[in-house]
C-alpha atoms as a PDB file:
ATOM      1  CA  LYS A   1      -3.309 -20.238 -10.991  1.00  0.00           C
ATOM      2  CA  ALA A   2      -0.812 -18.140  -9.110  1.00  0.00           C
ATOM      3  CA  ALA A   3       0.162 -19.854  -5.884  1.00  0.00           C
ATOM      4  CA  LYS A   4       1.974 -18.103  -3.030  1.00  0.00           C
ATOM      5  CA  GLY A   5       5.126 -20.066  -3.797  1.00  0.00           C
ATOM      6  CA  SER A   6       5.300 -18.723  -7.352  1.00  0.00           C
ATOM      7  CA  ILE A   7       4.859 -15.066  -6.392  1.00  0.00           C
ATOM      8  CA  LYS A   8       7.956 -13.000  -5.883  1.00  0.00           C
ATOM      9  CA  GLU A   9       8.389 -10.621  -3.008  1.00  0.00           C
ATOM     10  CA  LEU A  10       9.226  -7.081  -3.960  1.00  0.00           C
ATOM     11  CA  ARG A  11      11.504  -4.806  -1.948  1.00  0.00           C
ATOM     12  CA  VAL A  12      11.849  -1.030  -2.335  1.00  0.00           C
ATOM     13  CA  VAL A  13      14.469   1.017  -0.492  1.00  0.00           C
ATOM     14  CA  CYS A  14      14.175   4.783  -0.911  1.00  0.00           C
ATOM     15  CA  GLU A  15      14.320   8.132   0.838  1.00  0.00           C
ATOM     16  CA  LEU A  16      11.329  10.410   1.339  1.00  0.00           C
ATOM     17  CA  ASP A  17      11.570  14.128   2.004  1.00  0.00           C
ATOM     18  CA  ALA A  18       9.162  14.147   4.954  1.00  0.00           C
ATOM     19  CA  THR A  19       8.754  13.778   8.684  1.00  0.00           C
ATOM     20  CA  LYS A  20       7.434  10.596  10.273  1.00  0.00           C
ATOM     21  CA  ALA A  21       4.279  12.545  11.281  1.00  0.00           C
ATOM     22  CA  GLN A  22       3.636  13.571   7.645  1.00  0.00           C
ATOM     23  CA  LEU A  23       4.100  10.009   6.419  1.00  0.00           C
ATOM     24  CA  ILE A  24       1.799   8.627   9.149  1.00  0.00           C
ATOM     25  CA  SER A  25      -0.941  11.174   8.393  1.00  0.00           C
ATOM     26  CA  THR A  26      -0.733  10.406   4.644  1.00  0.00           C
ATOM     27  CA  ILE A  27      -0.979   6.646   5.257  1.00  0.00           C
ATOM     28  CA  GLU A  28      -3.841   7.080   7.759  1.00  0.00           C
ATOM     29  CA  ASN A  29      -5.788   9.097   5.160  1.00  0.00           C
ATOM     30  CA  ILE A  30      -7.370   6.025   3.541  1.00  0.00           C
ATOM     31  CA  ALA A  31      -9.961   8.062   1.581  1.00  0.00           C
ATOM     32  CA  ASP A  32      -7.140   9.860  -0.298  1.00  0.00           C
ATOM     33  CA  TYR A  33      -5.385   6.681  -1.548  1.00  0.00           C
ATOM     34  CA  ASN A  34      -6.700   7.405  -5.070  1.00  0.00           C
ATOM     35  CA  SER A  35      -4.250  10.308  -5.283  1.00  0.00           C
ATOM     36  CA  TRP A  36      -1.147   8.123  -4.862  1.00  0.00           C
ATOM     37  CA  VAL A  37      -1.789   4.359  -4.654  1.00  0.00           C
ATOM     38  CA  TYR A  38      -1.345   2.819  -8.109  1.00  0.00           C
ATOM     39  CA  SER A  39      -4.531   1.423  -9.724  1.00  0.00           C
ATOM     40  CA  ASN A  40      -6.605   2.286  -6.620  1.00  0.00           C
ATOM     41  CA  LYS A  41     -10.256   2.795  -7.540  1.00  0.00           C
ATOM     42  CA  LYS A  42     -11.821   3.272  -4.117  1.00  0.00           C
ATOM     43  CA  SER A  43     -10.799   2.913  -0.463  1.00  0.00           C
ATOM     44  CA  THR A  44     -13.191   2.970   2.481  1.00  0.00           C
ATOM     45  CA  ILE A  45     -12.584   2.554   6.205  1.00  0.00           C
ATOM     46  CA  LEU A  46     -14.570  -0.394   7.596  1.00  0.00           C
ATOM     47  CA  LYS A  47     -13.444  -0.194  11.221  1.00  0.00           C
ATOM     48  CA  MET A  48     -11.157   2.190  13.046  1.00  0.00           C
ATOM     49  CA  ILE A  49      -9.859   0.228  16.022  1.00  0.00           C
ATOM     50  CA  THR A  50      -7.491   3.109  16.839  1.00  0.00           C
ATOM     51  CA  PRO A  51      -6.196   5.884  14.539  1.00  0.00           C
ATOM     52  CA  GLN A  52      -3.158   3.666  13.876  1.00  0.00           C
ATOM     53  CA  ASN A  53      -5.007   0.343  13.574  1.00  0.00           C
ATOM     54  CA  ILE A  54      -7.518   0.534  10.734  1.00  0.00           C
ATOM     55  CA  ILE A  55      -9.385  -2.087   8.726  1.00  0.00           C
ATOM     56  CA  TYR A  56     -10.272  -0.840   5.261  1.00  0.00           C
ATOM     57  CA  TYR A  57     -11.717  -2.048   1.965  1.00  0.00           C
ATOM     58  CA  THR A  58     -10.093  -1.188  -1.346  1.00  0.00           C
ATOM     59  CA  GLN A  59     -10.806  -1.843  -5.008  1.00  0.00           C
ATOM     60  CA  SER A  60      -8.066  -1.982  -7.662  1.00  0.00           C
ATOM     61  CA  HIS A  61      -8.563  -1.403 -11.359  1.00  0.00           C
ATOM     62  CA  LEU A  62      -6.386  -3.712 -13.463  1.00  0.00           C
ATOM     63  CA  PRO A  63      -5.777  -3.562 -17.218  1.00  0.00           C
ATOM     64  CA  TRP A  64      -7.909  -5.675 -19.534  1.00  0.00           C
ATOM     65  CA  PRO A  65      -8.179  -8.678 -19.760  1.00  0.00           C
ATOM     66  CA  ILE A  66      -7.461  -9.043 -16.029  1.00  0.00           C
ATOM     67  CA  LYS A  67     -10.522  -8.722 -13.792  1.00  0.00           C
ATOM     68  CA  ASP A  68     -10.442  -5.976 -11.142  1.00  0.00           C
ATOM     69  CA  ARG A  69      -9.498  -7.010  -7.601  1.00  0.00           C
ATOM     70  CA  ASP A  70     -10.667  -6.079  -4.133  1.00  0.00           C
ATOM     71  CA  LEU A  71      -8.978  -6.419  -0.764  1.00  0.00           C
ATOM     72  CA  ILE A  72      -9.697  -5.972   2.887  1.00  0.00           C
ATOM     73  CA  ILE A  73      -6.596  -4.731   4.674  1.00  0.00           C
ATOM     74  CA  GLU A  74      -5.673  -4.393   8.320  1.00  0.00           C
ATOM     75  CA  LEU A  75      -3.284  -1.473   8.668  1.00  0.00           C
ATOM     76  CA  ASN A  76      -1.050  -1.267  11.757  1.00  0.00           C
ATOM     77  CA  ILE A  77       1.179   1.768  12.284  1.00  0.00           C
ATOM     78  CA  THR A  78       3.642   1.342  15.151  1.00  0.00           C
ATOM     79  CA  PRO A  79       5.932   4.308  15.763  1.00  0.00           C
ATOM     80  CA  THR A  80       8.849   3.976  18.180  1.00  0.00           C
ATOM     81  CA  SER A  81      11.615   6.479  18.819  1.00  0.00           C
ATOM     82  CA  GLU A  82      13.949   4.589  16.469  1.00  0.00           C
ATOM     83  CA  VAL A  83      11.767   2.907  13.833  1.00  0.00           C
ATOM     84  CA  LEU A  84       8.339   3.483  12.360  1.00  0.00           C
ATOM     85  CA  ASN A  85       6.853   0.097  11.464  1.00  0.00           C
ATOM     86  CA  ILE A  86       3.852  -0.064   9.164  1.00  0.00           C
ATOM     87  CA  GLU A  87       2.152  -3.311   8.230  1.00  0.00           C
ATOM     88  CA  ALA A  88      -0.764  -3.786   5.856  1.00  0.00           C
ATOM     89  CA  LYS A  89      -2.008  -7.360   5.673  1.00  0.00           C
ATOM     90  CA  SER A  90      -5.006  -8.811   3.912  1.00  0.00           C
ATOM     91  CA  LEU A  91      -8.092 -10.113   5.737  1.00  0.00           C
ATOM     92  CA  PRO A  92      -9.753 -11.906   2.791  1.00  0.00           C
ATOM     93  CA  ASP A  93     -12.677 -13.327   4.778  1.00  0.00           C
ATOM     94  CA  TYR A  94     -13.610 -10.136   6.667  1.00  0.00           C
ATOM     95  CA  LEU A  95     -16.443  -9.356   4.201  1.00  0.00           C
ATOM     96  CA  PRO A  96     -18.437 -11.470   1.738  1.00  0.00           C
ATOM     97  CA  LYS A  97     -16.976 -11.442  -1.777  1.00  0.00           C
ATOM     98  CA  GLU A  98     -18.296  -8.973  -4.394  1.00  0.00           C
ATOM     99  CA  ASN A  99     -19.353 -10.505  -7.721  1.00  0.00           C
ATOM    100  CA  ASP A 100     -17.653  -7.825  -9.852  1.00  0.00           C
ATOM    101  CA  TYR A 101     -14.246  -8.330  -8.202  1.00  0.00           C
ATOM    102  CA  ILE A 102     -11.817 -11.118  -7.484  1.00  0.00           C
ATOM    103  CA  ARG A 103     -10.880 -11.060  -3.806  1.00  0.00           C
ATOM    104  CA  VAL A 104      -7.118 -10.979  -3.223  1.00  0.00           C
ATOM    105  CA  PRO A 105      -6.491 -13.998  -0.960  1.00  0.00           C
ATOM    106  CA  TYR A 106      -3.089 -12.866   0.343  1.00  0.00           C
ATOM    107  CA  SER A 107      -1.125  -9.635   0.491  1.00  0.00           C
ATOM    108  CA  LEU A 108       1.399  -8.278   2.937  1.00  0.00           C
ATOM    109  CA  ALA A 109       3.162  -4.927   2.831  1.00  0.00           C
ATOM    110  CA  GLN A 110       5.719  -3.990   5.485  1.00  0.00           C
ATOM    111  CA  TRP A 111       7.431  -0.628   5.910  1.00  0.00           C
ATOM    112  CA  LYS A 112      10.452  -0.067   8.127  1.00  0.00           C
ATOM    113  CA  VAL A 113      11.046   3.687   8.292  1.00  0.00           C
ATOM    114  CA  THR A 114      14.070   5.271   9.977  1.00  0.00           C
ATOM    115  CA  GLN A 115      15.375   8.824  10.190  1.00  0.00           C
ATOM    116  CA  ALA A 116      18.002   9.690   7.569  1.00  0.00           C
ATOM    117  CA  PRO A 117      20.250  12.777   7.389  1.00  0.00           C
ATOM    118  CA  ASN A 118      18.901  16.124   6.102  1.00  0.00           C
ATOM    119  CA  ASN A 119      15.399  15.590   7.546  1.00  0.00           C
ATOM    120  CA  LYS A 120      14.696  12.689   5.210  1.00  0.00           C
ATOM    121  CA  LEU A 121      13.201   9.295   5.961  1.00  0.00           C
ATOM    122  CA  LYS A 122      14.757   6.020   4.831  1.00  0.00           C
ATOM    123  CA  VAL A 123      12.061   3.558   3.800  1.00  0.00           C
ATOM    124  CA  ASP A 124      12.636  -0.182   3.515  1.00  0.00           C
ATOM    125  CA  TYR A 125       9.416  -1.561   2.011  1.00  0.00           C
ATOM    126  CA  SER A 126       8.558  -5.147   1.162  1.00  0.00           C
ATOM    127  CA  PHE A 127       5.448  -6.443  -0.547  1.00  0.00           C
ATOM    128  CA  SER A 128       4.174  -9.873  -1.491  1.00  0.00           C
ATOM    129  CA  VAL A 129       0.857 -10.808  -3.031  1.00  0.00           C
ATOM    130  CA  ASP A 130      -1.208 -13.643  -4.400  1.00  0.00           C
ATOM    131  CA  PRO A 131      -3.705 -11.740  -6.583  1.00  0.00           C
ATOM    132  CA  GLY A 132      -6.101 -14.675  -6.762  1.00  0.00           C
ATOM    133  CA  GLY A 133      -7.976 -15.756  -9.846  1.00  0.00           C
ATOM    134  CA  SER A 134      -6.145 -17.229 -12.809  1.00  0.00           C
ATOM    135  CA  ILE A 135      -3.438 -14.712 -13.710  1.00  0.00           C
ATOM    136  CA  PRO A 136      -0.305 -16.617 -14.774  1.00  0.00           C
ATOM    137  CA  SER A 137       2.409 -16.045 -12.180  1.00  0.00           C
ATOM    138  CA  TRP A 138       4.832 -14.805 -14.862  1.00  0.00           C
ATOM    139  CA  ILE A 139       2.459 -11.870 -15.580  1.00  0.00           C
ATOM    140  CA  VAL A 140       2.143 -11.125 -11.859  1.00  0.00           C
ATOM    141  CA  ASN A 141       5.919 -11.233 -11.418  1.00  0.00           C
ATOM    142  CA  ALA A 142       6.540  -9.133 -14.561  1.00  0.00           C
ATOM    143  CA  THR A 143       4.164  -6.393 -13.404  1.00  0.00           C
ATOM    144  CA  LEU A 144       4.771  -6.605  -9.638  1.00  0.00           C
ATOM    145  CA  THR A 145       7.205  -3.672  -9.637  1.00  0.00           C
ATOM    146  CA  ILE A 146       5.013  -1.246 -11.620  1.00  0.00           C
ATOM    147  CA  GLY A 147       2.456  -0.564  -8.875  1.00  0.00           C
ATOM    148  CA  PRO A 148       4.809   0.046  -5.944  1.00  0.00           C
ATOM    149  CA  TYR A 149       7.224   2.082  -8.092  1.00  0.00           C
ATOM    150  CA  ASN A 150       4.453   4.391  -9.320  1.00  0.00           C
ATOM    151  CA  SER A 151       2.947   4.613  -5.827  1.00  0.00           C
ATOM    152  CA  PHE A 152       6.276   5.697  -4.299  1.00  0.00           C
ATOM    153  CA  VAL A 153       6.818   8.305  -7.049  1.00  0.00           C
ATOM    154  CA  LYS A 154       3.373   9.804  -6.281  1.00  0.00           C
ATOM    155  CA  LEU A 155       3.893   9.524  -2.501  1.00  0.00           C
ATOM    156  CA  LYS A 156       7.174  11.442  -2.845  1.00  0.00           C
ATOM    157  CA  GLU A 157       5.370  14.207  -4.785  1.00  0.00           C
ATOM    158  CA  ILE A 158       2.565  14.469  -2.204  1.00  0.00           C
ATOM    159  CA  LEU A 159       4.979  14.600   0.746  1.00  0.00           C
ATOM    160  CA  LYS A 160       7.201  17.145  -1.004  1.00  0.00           C
ATOM    161  CA  ALA A 161       4.183  19.367  -1.701  1.00  0.00           C
ATOM    162  CA  GLN A 162       3.281  19.235   2.035  1.00  0.00           C
ATOM    163  CA  LYS A 163       6.732  20.584   2.902  1.00  0.00           C
ATOM    164  CA  GLN A 164       6.527  23.577   0.540  1.00  0.00           C
ATOM    165  CA  PRO A 165       5.786  26.873   2.306  1.00  0.00           C
ATOM    166  CA  VAL A 166       2.457  28.419   1.394  1.00  0.00           C
ATOM    167  CA  ILE A 167       2.947  31.763  -0.367  1.00  0.00           C
ATOM    168  CA  ASN A 168      -0.003  34.186  -0.559  1.00  0.00           C
END
């Protein structure tokens, strides 16, 4: 069983060609996570405390023989003039467990976003997870980078497309 102590934390540092407002609106658009969040099957808002403090439910499809996972996440987006902080942390007991899914007992994603030259954003992202169930920690650690890497590639594409002028 994968315990928190055996799970590695992942860190991604990259630049995105976007404004803070574009990034915030993309992250607040929970229903559209299928278009860029790796292995995302479904995401639904459970409670909107404020537009920048949202509790949502998400299901992840994982490759056989690993059983699919579900998570309840509290998303907090805190923009300041210098840094945009985004935190997504799991609330595993917010809803009763679904029989078809293994509930992720712990996950934490933190974004620290600052302005970079040439209208780009510098993103410093960290992520740690205990996927629950009985996945050997070596499999979790070996595949931990795949999801965030693919998600950031897709996020870059979506944000870049938003910046393109519309030509009739």
